[in-house]
PDB file of N, CA and C in Angstrom:
ATOM      1  N   MET A   1     -52.647 -16.504 126.926  1.00  0.00           N
ATOM      2  CA  MET A   1     -51.827 -15.554 126.215  1.00  0.00           C
ATOM      3  C   MET A   1     -52.184 -15.537 124.733  1.00  0.00           C
ATOM      4  N   ALA A   2     -52.195 -14.360 124.190  1.00  0.00           N
ATOM      5  CA  ALA A   2     -52.507 -14.208 122.773  1.00  0.00           C
ATOM      6  C   ALA A   2     -51.241 -14.368 121.948  1.00  0.00           C
ATOM      7  N   LYS A   3     -51.374 -15.009 120.825  1.00  0.00           N
ATOM      8  CA  LYS A   3     -50.236 -15.208 119.939  1.00  0.00           C
ATOM      9  C   LYS A   3     -50.060 -13.983 119.052  1.00  0.00           C
ATOM     10  N   LYS A   4     -48.818 -13.618 118.806  1.00  0.00           N
ATOM     11  CA  LYS A   4     -48.534 -12.500 117.903  1.00  0.00           C
ATOM     12  C   LYS A   4     -48.620 -12.985 116.474  1.00  0.00           C
ATOM     13  N   LYS A   5     -49.188 -12.156 115.640  1.00  0.00           N
ATOM     14  CA  LYS A   5     -49.271 -12.496 114.223  1.00  0.00           C
ATOM     15  C   LYS A   5     -47.931 -12.240 113.561  1.00  0.00           C
ATOM     16  N   ALA A   6     -47.497 -13.177 112.768  1.00  0.00           N
ATOM     17  CA  ALA A   6     -46.240 -13.020 112.038  1.00  0.00           C
ATOM     18  C   ALA A   6     -46.496 -12.183 110.793  1.00  0.00           C
ATOM     19  N   LYS A   7     -45.603 -11.249 110.542  1.00  0.00           N
ATOM     20  CA  LYS A   7     -45.727 -10.423 109.339  1.00  0.00           C
ATOM     21  C   LYS A   7     -45.264 -11.220 108.139  1.00  0.00           C
ATOM     22  N   LYS A   8     -45.995 -11.067 107.064  1.00  0.00           N
ATOM     23  CA  LYS A   8     -45.614 -11.747 105.833  1.00  0.00           C
ATOM     24  C   LYS A   8     -44.486 -10.988 105.166  1.00  0.00           C
ATOM     25  N   LYS A   9     -43.518 -11.731 104.686  1.00  0.00           N
ATOM     26  CA  LYS A   9     -42.415 -11.110 103.959  1.00  0.00           C
ATOM     27  C   LYS A   9     -42.815 -10.953 102.503  1.00  0.00           C
ATOM     28  N   VAL A  10     -42.563  -9.775 101.981  1.00  0.00           N
ATOM     29  CA  VAL A  10     -42.896  -9.492 100.594  1.00  0.00           C
ATOM     30  C   VAL A  10     -41.673  -9.809  99.740  1.00  0.00           C
ATOM     31  N   ALA A  11     -41.892 -10.637  98.743  1.00  0.00           N
ATOM     32  CA  ALA A  11     -40.792 -11.007  97.859  1.00  0.00           C
ATOM     33  C   ALA A  11     -40.486  -9.848  96.920  1.00  0.00           C
ATOM     34  N   ARG A  12     -39.209  -9.553  96.751  1.00  0.00           N
ATOM     35  CA  ARG A  12     -38.802  -8.493  95.825  1.00  0.00           C
ATOM     36  C   ARG A  12     -38.738  -9.052  94.426  1.00  0.00           C
ATOM     37  N   LYS A  13     -39.157  -8.241  93.506  1.00  0.00           N
ATOM     38  CA  LYS A  13     -39.074  -8.655  92.109  1.00  0.00           C
ATOM     39  C   LYS A  13     -37.651  -8.475  91.618  1.00  0.00           C
ATOM     40  N   ALA A  14     -37.176  -9.435  90.878  1.00  0.00           N
ATOM     41  CA  ALA A  14     -35.835  -9.348  90.305  1.00  0.00           C
ATOM     42  C   ALA A  14     -35.863  -8.347  89.159  1.00  0.00           C
ATOM     43  N   PRO A  15     -34.817  -7.490  89.049  1.00  0.00           N
ATOM     44  CA  PRO A  15     -34.787  -6.529  87.946  1.00  0.00           C
ATOM     45  C   PRO A  15     -34.643  -7.251  86.612  1.00  0.00           C
ATOM     46  N   ALA A  16     -35.174  -6.649  85.585  1.00  0.00           N
ATOM     47  CA  ALA A  16     -35.076  -7.235  84.248  1.00  0.00           C
ATOM     48  C   ALA A  16     -33.621  -7.308  83.835  1.00  0.00           C
ATOM     49  N   ARG A  17     -33.314  -8.251  83.008  1.00  0.00           N
ATOM     50  CA  ARG A  17     -31.928  -8.408  82.553  1.00  0.00           C
ATOM     51  C   ARG A  17     -31.458  -7.150  81.850  1.00  0.00           C
ATOM     52  N   GLY A  18     -30.279  -6.705  82.205  1.00  0.00           N
ATOM     53  CA  GLY A  18     -29.713  -5.529  81.568  1.00  0.00           C
ATOM     54  C   GLY A  18     -30.204  -4.216  82.156  1.00  0.00           C
ATOM     55  N   ALA A  19     -31.157  -4.284  83.088  1.00  0.00           N
ATOM     56  CA  ALA A  19     -31.680  -3.061  83.685  1.00  0.00           C
ATOM     57  C   ALA A  19     -30.699  -2.554  84.735  1.00  0.00           C
ATOM     58  N   LYS A  20     -30.561  -1.244  84.818  1.00  0.00           N
ATOM     59  CA  LYS A  20     -29.662  -0.648  85.799  1.00  0.00           C
ATOM     60  C   LYS A  20     -30.354  -0.625  87.155  1.00  0.00           C
ATOM     61  N   ARG A  21     -29.600  -0.968  88.185  1.00  0.00           N
ATOM     62  CA  ARG A  21     -30.137  -0.912  89.529  1.00  0.00           C
ATOM     63  C   ARG A  21     -29.943   0.497  90.069  1.00  0.00           C
ATOM     64  N   SER A  22     -30.911   0.971  90.761  1.00  0.00           N
ATOM     65  CA  SER A  22     -30.832   2.298  91.343  1.00  0.00           C
ATOM     66  C   SER A  22     -31.170   2.197  92.816  1.00  0.00           C
ATOM     67  N   THR A  23     -30.307   2.722  93.650  1.00  0.00           N
ATOM     68  CA  THR A  23     -30.581   2.739  95.071  1.00  0.00           C
ATOM     69  C   THR A  23     -30.876   4.159  95.495  1.00  0.00           C
ATOM     70  N   LYS A  24     -31.553   4.279  96.608  1.00  0.00           N
ATOM     71  CA  LYS A  24     -31.875   5.606  97.106  1.00  0.00           C
ATOM     72  C   LYS A  24     -30.615   6.393  97.423  1.00  0.00           C
ATOM     73  N   LYS A  25     -29.623   5.717  97.988  1.00  0.00           N
ATOM     74  CA  LYS A  25     -28.386   6.386  98.363  1.00  0.00           C
ATOM     75  C   LYS A  25     -27.656   6.933  97.136  1.00  0.00           C
ATOM     76  N   ALA A  26     -27.533   6.117  96.101  1.00  0.00           N
ATOM     77  CA  ALA A  26     -26.839   6.553  94.892  1.00  0.00           C
ATOM     78  C   ALA A  26     -27.608   7.671  94.198  1.00  0.00           C
ATOM     79  N   ALA A  27     -28.923   7.549  94.181  1.00  0.00           N
ATOM     80  CA  ALA A  27     -29.735   8.574  93.534  1.00  0.00           C
ATOM     81  C   ALA A  27     -29.621   9.894  94.282  1.00  0.00           C
ATOM     82  N   GLY A  28     -29.533   9.837  95.610  1.00  0.00           N
ATOM     83  CA  GLY A  28     -29.404  11.047  96.414  1.00  0.00           C
ATOM     84  C   GLY A  28     -28.093  11.753  96.171  1.00  0.00           C
ATOM     85  N   ARG A  29     -27.032  10.986  95.956  1.00  0.00           N
ATOM     86  CA  ARG A  29     -25.716  11.588  95.712  1.00  0.00           C
ATOM     87  C   ARG A  29     -25.691  12.344  94.406  1.00  0.00           C
ATOM     88  N   ARG A  30     -26.357  11.841  93.397  1.00  0.00           N
ATOM     89  CA  ARG A  30     -26.329  12.497  92.085  1.00  0.00           C
ATOM     90  C   ARG A  30     -27.032  13.834  92.116  1.00  0.00           C
ATOM     91  N   THR A  31     -28.059  13.970  92.920  1.00  0.00           N
ATOM     92  CA  THR A  31     -28.834  15.206  92.921  1.00  0.00           C
ATOM     93  C   THR A  31     -28.249  16.261  93.845  1.00  0.00           C
ATOM     94  N   LYS A  32     -27.271  15.919  94.687  1.00  0.00           N
ATOM     95  CA  LYS A  32     -26.738  16.866  95.643  1.00  0.00           C
ATOM     96  C   LYS A  32     -25.612  17.730  95.095  1.00  0.00           C
ATOM     97  N   ALA A  33     -25.282  17.608  93.845  1.00  0.00           N
ATOM     98  CA  ALA A  33     -24.192  18.405  93.279  1.00  0.00           C
ATOM     99  C   ALA A  33     -24.599  19.874  93.281  1.00  0.00           C
ATOM    100  N   SER A  34     -23.935  20.647  94.107  1.00  0.00           N
ATOM    101  CA  SER A  34     -24.250  22.072  94.187  1.00  0.00           C
ATOM    102  C   SER A  34     -22.973  22.847  94.467  1.00  0.00           C
ATOM    103  N   ALA A  35     -23.114  24.140  94.559  1.00  0.00           N
ATOM    104  CA  ALA A  35     -21.957  25.003  94.802  1.00  0.00           C
ATOM    105  C   ALA A  35     -21.409  24.820  96.213  1.00  0.00           C
ATOM    106  N   ALA A  36     -22.179  24.204  97.110  1.00  0.00           N
ATOM    107  CA  ALA A  36     -21.742  24.016  98.496  1.00  0.00           C
ATOM    108  C   ALA A  36     -20.860  22.787  98.669  1.00  0.00           C
ATOM    109  N   ASP A  37     -20.593  22.026  97.617  1.00  0.00           N
ATOM    110  CA  ASP A  37     -19.724  20.861  97.719  1.00  0.00           C
ATOM    111  C   ASP A  37     -18.274  21.307  97.747  1.00  0.00           C
ATOM    112  N   PHE A  38     -17.603  20.998  98.845  1.00  0.00           N
ATOM    113  CA  PHE A  38     -16.217  21.385  99.007  1.00  0.00           C
ATOM    114  C   PHE A  38     -15.315  20.180  98.836  1.00  0.00           C
ATOM    115  N   ILE A  39     -14.113  20.420  98.347  1.00  0.00           N
ATOM    116  CA  ILE A  39     -13.135  19.352  98.191  1.00  0.00           C
ATOM    117  C   ILE A  39     -12.610  18.936  99.562  1.00  0.00           C
ATOM    118  N   ILE A  40     -12.355  19.908 100.420  1.00  0.00           N
ATOM    119  CA  ILE A  40     -11.814  19.660 101.751  1.00  0.00           C
ATOM    120  C   ILE A  40     -12.965  19.627 102.759  1.00  0.00           C
ATOM    121  N   SER A  41     -12.941  18.663 103.660  1.00  0.00           N
ATOM    122  CA  SER A  41     -13.981  18.515 104.674  1.00  0.00           C
ATOM    123  C   SER A  41     -13.958  19.681 105.660  1.00  0.00           C
ATOM    124  N   LYS A  42     -15.133  20.221 105.963  1.00  0.00           N
ATOM    125  CA  LYS A  42     -15.223  21.327 106.909  1.00  0.00           C
ATOM    126  C   LYS A  42     -14.767  20.894 108.298  1.00  0.00           C
ATOM    127  N   SER A  43     -15.184  19.712 108.725  1.00  0.00           N
ATOM    128  CA  SER A  43     -14.838  19.267 110.076  1.00  0.00           C
ATOM    129  C   SER A  43     -13.338  19.033 110.219  1.00  0.00           C
ATOM    130  N   ARG A  44     -12.701  18.494 109.193  1.00  0.00           N
ATOM    131  CA  ARG A  44     -11.253  18.269 109.257  1.00  0.00           C
ATOM    132  C   ARG A  44     -10.494  19.590 109.221  1.00  0.00           C
ATOM    133  N   THR A  45     -10.995  20.539 108.465  1.00  0.00           N
ATOM    134  CA  THR A  45     -10.352  21.855 108.400  1.00  0.00           C
ATOM    135  C   THR A  45     -10.412  22.526 109.760  1.00  0.00           C
ATOM    136  N   LYS A  46     -11.590  22.476 110.370  1.00  0.00           N
ATOM    137  CA  LYS A  46     -11.766  23.102 111.675  1.00  0.00           C
ATOM    138  C   LYS A  46     -10.889  22.422 112.724  1.00  0.00           C
ATOM    139  N   ALA A  47     -10.784  21.098 112.672  1.00  0.00           N
ATOM    140  CA  ALA A  47      -9.954  20.370 113.629  1.00  0.00           C
ATOM    141  C   ALA A  47      -8.473  20.680 113.435  1.00  0.00           C
ATOM    142  N   ALA A  48      -8.058  20.848 112.201  1.00  0.00           N
ATOM    143  CA  ALA A  48      -6.644  21.127 111.914  1.00  0.00           C
ATOM    144  C   ALA A  48      -6.267  22.555 112.275  1.00  0.00           C
ATOM    145  N   ALA A  49      -7.222  23.478 112.199  1.00  0.00           N
ATOM    146  CA  ALA A  49      -6.926  24.886 112.451  1.00  0.00           C
ATOM    147  C   ALA A  49      -6.626  25.148 113.922  1.00  0.00           C
ATOM    148  N   GLY A  50      -7.372  24.524 114.814  1.00  0.00           N
ATOM    149  CA  GLY A  50      -7.143  24.750 116.241  1.00  0.00           C
ATOM    150  C   GLY A  50      -7.752  26.034 116.767  1.00  0.00           C
ATOM    151  N   ILE A  51      -8.292  26.875 115.887  1.00  0.00           N
ATOM    152  CA  ILE A  51      -8.972  28.107 116.300  1.00  0.00           C
ATOM    153  C   ILE A  51     -10.307  28.166 115.563  1.00  0.00           C
ATOM    154  N   ASN A  52     -11.094  29.168 115.839  1.00  0.00           N
ATOM    155  CA  ASN A  52     -12.377  29.331 115.162  1.00  0.00           C
ATOM    156  C   ASN A  52     -12.164  29.578 113.675  1.00  0.00           C
ATOM    157  N   VAL A  53     -13.093  29.051 112.870  1.00  0.00           N
ATOM    158  CA  VAL A  53     -12.997  29.188 111.419  1.00  0.00           C
ATOM    159  C   VAL A  53     -14.257  29.877 110.909  1.00  0.00           C
ATOM    160  N   SER A  54     -14.086  30.934 110.149  1.00  0.00           N
ATOM    161  CA  SER A  54     -15.204  31.675 109.571  1.00  0.00           C
ATOM    162  C   SER A  54     -15.880  30.841 108.493  1.00  0.00           C
ATOM    163  N   GLY A  55     -17.165  31.032 108.305  1.00  0.00           N
ATOM    164  CA  GLY A  55     -17.901  30.328 107.263  1.00  0.00           C
ATOM    165  C   GLY A  55     -17.406  30.680 105.870  1.00  0.00           C
ATOM    166  N   GLU A  56     -16.896  31.899 105.693  1.00  0.00           N
ATOM    167  CA  GLU A  56     -16.382  32.337 104.396  1.00  0.00           C
ATOM    168  C   GLU A  56     -15.028  31.708 104.065  1.00  0.00           C
ATOM    169  N   PHE A  57     -14.329  31.229 105.099  1.00  0.00           N
ATOM    170  CA  PHE A  57     -13.008  30.640 104.899  1.00  0.00           C
ATOM    171  C   PHE A  57     -13.084  29.396 104.020  1.00  0.00           C
ATOM    172  N   TYR A  58     -14.130  28.594 104.200  1.00  0.00           N
ATOM    173  CA  TYR A  58     -14.241  27.332 103.454  1.00  0.00           C
ATOM    174  C   TYR A  58     -14.340  27.562 101.951  1.00  0.00           C
ATOM    175  N   ALA A  59     -15.091  28.560 101.543  1.00  0.00           N
ATOM    176  CA  ALA A  59     -15.210  28.868 100.116  1.00  0.00           C
ATOM    177  C   ALA A  59     -13.872  29.332  99.547  1.00  0.00           C
ATOM    178  N   ALA A  60     -13.154  30.154 100.316  1.00  0.00           N
ATOM    179  CA  ALA A  60     -11.842  30.637  99.862  1.00  0.00           C
ATOM    180  C   ALA A  60     -10.846  29.487  99.798  1.00  0.00           C
ATOM    181  N   LEU A  61     -10.877  28.600 100.780  1.00  0.00           N
ATOM    182  CA  LEU A  61      -9.992  27.435 100.782  1.00  0.00           C
ATOM    183  C   LEU A  61     -10.300  26.519  99.608  1.00  0.00           C
ATOM    184  N   ASP A  62     -11.570  26.307  99.350  1.00  0.00           N
ATOM    185  CA  ASP A  62     -11.975  25.462  98.225  1.00  0.00           C
ATOM    186  C   ASP A  62     -11.490  26.056  96.900  1.00  0.00           C
ATOM    187  N   ALA A  63     -11.623  27.369  96.745  1.00  0.00           N
ATOM    188  CA  ALA A  63     -11.165  28.029  95.514  1.00  0.00           C
ATOM    189  C   ALA A  63      -9.651  27.896  95.352  1.00  0.00           C
ATOM    190  N   ALA A  64      -8.916  28.037  96.458  1.00  0.00           N
ATOM    191  CA  ALA A  64      -7.459  27.919  96.402  1.00  0.00           C
ATOM    192  C   ALA A  64      -7.038  26.495  96.030  1.00  0.00           C
ATOM    193  N   VAL A  65      -7.697  25.505  96.608  1.00  0.00           N
ATOM    194  CA  VAL A  65      -7.371  24.109  96.310  1.00  0.00           C
ATOM    195  C   VAL A  65      -7.705  23.775  94.865  1.00  0.00           C
ATOM    196  N   ARG A  66      -8.865  24.234  94.401  1.00  0.00           N
ATOM    197  CA  ARG A  66      -9.239  23.989  92.996  1.00  0.00           C
ATOM    198  C   ARG A  66      -8.225  24.652  92.047  1.00  0.00           C
ATOM    199  N   GLY A  67      -7.727  25.827  92.411  1.00  0.00           N
ATOM    200  CA  GLY A  67      -6.702  26.501  91.609  1.00  0.00           C
ATOM    201  C   GLY A  67      -5.406  25.709  91.571  1.00  0.00           C
ATOM    202  N   LEU A  68      -5.008  25.164  92.714  1.00  0.00           N
ATOM    203  CA  LEU A  68      -3.803  24.322  92.766  1.00  0.00           C
ATOM    204  C   LEU A  68      -3.957  23.084  91.885  1.00  0.00           C
ATOM    205  N   ILE A  69      -5.125  22.474  91.954  1.00  0.00           N
ATOM    206  CA  ILE A  69      -5.370  21.270  91.145  1.00  0.00           C
ATOM    207  C   ILE A  69      -5.353  21.610  89.660  1.00  0.00           C
ATOM    208  N   ALA A  70      -5.984  22.727  89.281  1.00  0.00           N
ATOM    209  CA  ALA A  70      -6.000  23.127  87.873  1.00  0.00           C
ATOM    210  C   ALA A  70      -4.588  23.404  87.358  1.00  0.00           C
ATOM    211  N   GLY A  71      -3.781  24.079  88.174  1.00  0.00           N
ATOM    212  CA  GLY A  71      -2.395  24.353  87.783  1.00  0.00           C
ATOM    213  C   GLY A  71      -1.584  23.075  87.636  1.00  0.00           C
ATOM    214  N   ALA A  72      -1.786  22.143  88.571  1.00  0.00           N
ATOM    215  CA  ALA A  72      -1.074  20.866  88.518  1.00  0.00           C
ATOM    216  C   ALA A  72      -1.512  20.058  87.303  1.00  0.00           C
ATOM    217  N   GLU A  73      -2.799  20.119  86.996  1.00  0.00           N
ATOM    218  CA  GLU A  73      -3.316  19.407  85.825  1.00  0.00           C
ATOM    219  C   GLU A  73      -2.706  19.970  84.544  1.00  0.00           C
ATOM    220  N   GLN A  74      -2.614  21.274  84.449  1.00  0.00           N
ATOM    221  CA  GLN A  74      -2.036  21.900  83.264  1.00  0.00           C
ATOM    222  C   GLN A  74      -0.565  21.525  83.102  1.00  0.00           C
ATOM    223  N   ARG A  75       0.177  21.493  84.212  1.00  0.00           N
ATOM    224  CA  ARG A  75       1.595  21.125  84.160  1.00  0.00           C
ATOM    225  C   ARG A  75       1.759  19.690  83.687  1.00  0.00           C
ATOM    226  N   ALA A  76       0.891  18.787  84.177  1.00  0.00           N
ATOM    227  CA  ALA A  76       0.970  17.381  83.758  1.00  0.00           C
ATOM    228  C   ALA A  76       0.667  17.240  82.272  1.00  0.00           C
ATOM    229  N   VAL A  77      -0.352  17.958  81.797  1.00  0.00           N
ATOM    230  CA  VAL A  77      -0.708  17.899  80.371  1.00  0.00           C
ATOM    231  C   VAL A  77       0.427  18.471  79.522  1.00  0.00           C
ATOM    232  N   ASP A  78       1.017  19.564  79.960  1.00  0.00           N
ATOM    233  CA  ASP A  78       2.144  20.166  79.225  1.00  0.00           C
ATOM    234  C   ASP A  78       3.333  19.215  79.137  1.00  0.00           C
ATOM    235  N   ASN A  79       3.482  18.370  80.143  1.00  0.00           N
ATOM    236  CA  ASN A  79       4.565  17.389  80.149  1.00  0.00           C
ATOM    237  C   ASN A  79       4.168  16.057  79.517  1.00  0.00           C
ATOM    238  N   GLY A  80       2.993  16.003  78.911  1.00  0.00           N
ATOM    239  CA  GLY A  80       2.539  14.804  78.207  1.00  0.00           C
ATOM    240  C   GLY A  80       2.112  13.669  79.123  1.00  0.00           C
ATOM    241  N   ARG A  81       1.642  13.989  80.327  1.00  0.00           N
ATOM    242  CA  ARG A  81       1.192  12.966  81.270  1.00  0.00           C
ATOM    243  C   ARG A  81      -0.291  13.093  81.544  1.00  0.00           C
ATOM    244  N   LYS A  82      -0.901  11.980  81.958  1.00  0.00           N
ATOM    245  CA  LYS A  82      -2.299  11.978  82.359  1.00  0.00           C
ATOM    246  C   LYS A  82      -2.427  11.733  83.856  1.00  0.00           C
ATOM    247  N   THR A  83      -1.312  11.758  84.563  1.00  0.00           N
ATOM    248  CA  THR A  83      -1.297  11.491  85.994  1.00  0.00           C
ATOM    249  C   THR A  83      -0.708  12.680  86.736  1.00  0.00           C
ATOM    250  N   LEU A  84      -1.412  13.127  87.761  1.00  0.00           N
ATOM    251  CA  LEU A  84      -0.890  14.200  88.613  1.00  0.00           C
ATOM    252  C   LEU A  84       0.116  13.606  89.587  1.00  0.00           C
ATOM    253  N   ARG A  85       1.220  14.284  89.757  1.00  0.00           N
ATOM    254  CA  ARG A  85       2.264  13.855  90.685  1.00  0.00           C
ATOM    255  C   ARG A  85       2.546  14.987  91.656  1.00  0.00           C
ATOM    256  N   PRO A  86       3.151  14.660  92.794  1.00  0.00           N
ATOM    257  CA  PRO A  86       3.394  15.705  93.817  1.00  0.00           C
ATOM    258  C   PRO A  86       4.192  16.889  93.278  1.00  0.00           C
ATOM    259  N   HIS A  87       5.135  16.656  92.377  1.00  0.00           N
ATOM    260  CA  HIS A  87       5.938  17.774  91.884  1.00  0.00           C
ATOM    261  C   HIS A  87       5.172  18.703  90.939  1.00  0.00           C
ATOM    262  N   ASP A  88       3.943  18.313  90.559  1.00  0.00           N
ATOM    263  CA  ASP A  88       3.098  19.206  89.752  1.00  0.00           C
ATOM    264  C   ASP A  88       2.556  20.372  90.575  1.00  0.00           C
ATOM    265  N   LEU A  89       2.534  20.197  91.873  1.00  0.00           N
ATOM    266  CA  LEU A  89       2.071  21.287  92.748  1.00  0.00           C
ATOM    267  C   LEU A  89       3.160  22.331  92.881  1.00  0.00           C
TER     268      LEU A  89
END
């Protein structure tokens, strides 16, 4: 029987002191910011609806939610708070 060759493990270099670590996952998240990012999950919306959901519905829902958040934020600022509370909606 022939013996299998063991693969050599490559040692990773330690980052320089004070250097920021960057992972592929984190870097990918930063570049994905686009107009298609919705606040509400499409799959959860579809599951909650119980009927078919149009592709245009998600954009309208996102706009409505962003409007609610903006209004709640303005009410909190007008009341001298930095925290959104349920009654701001």
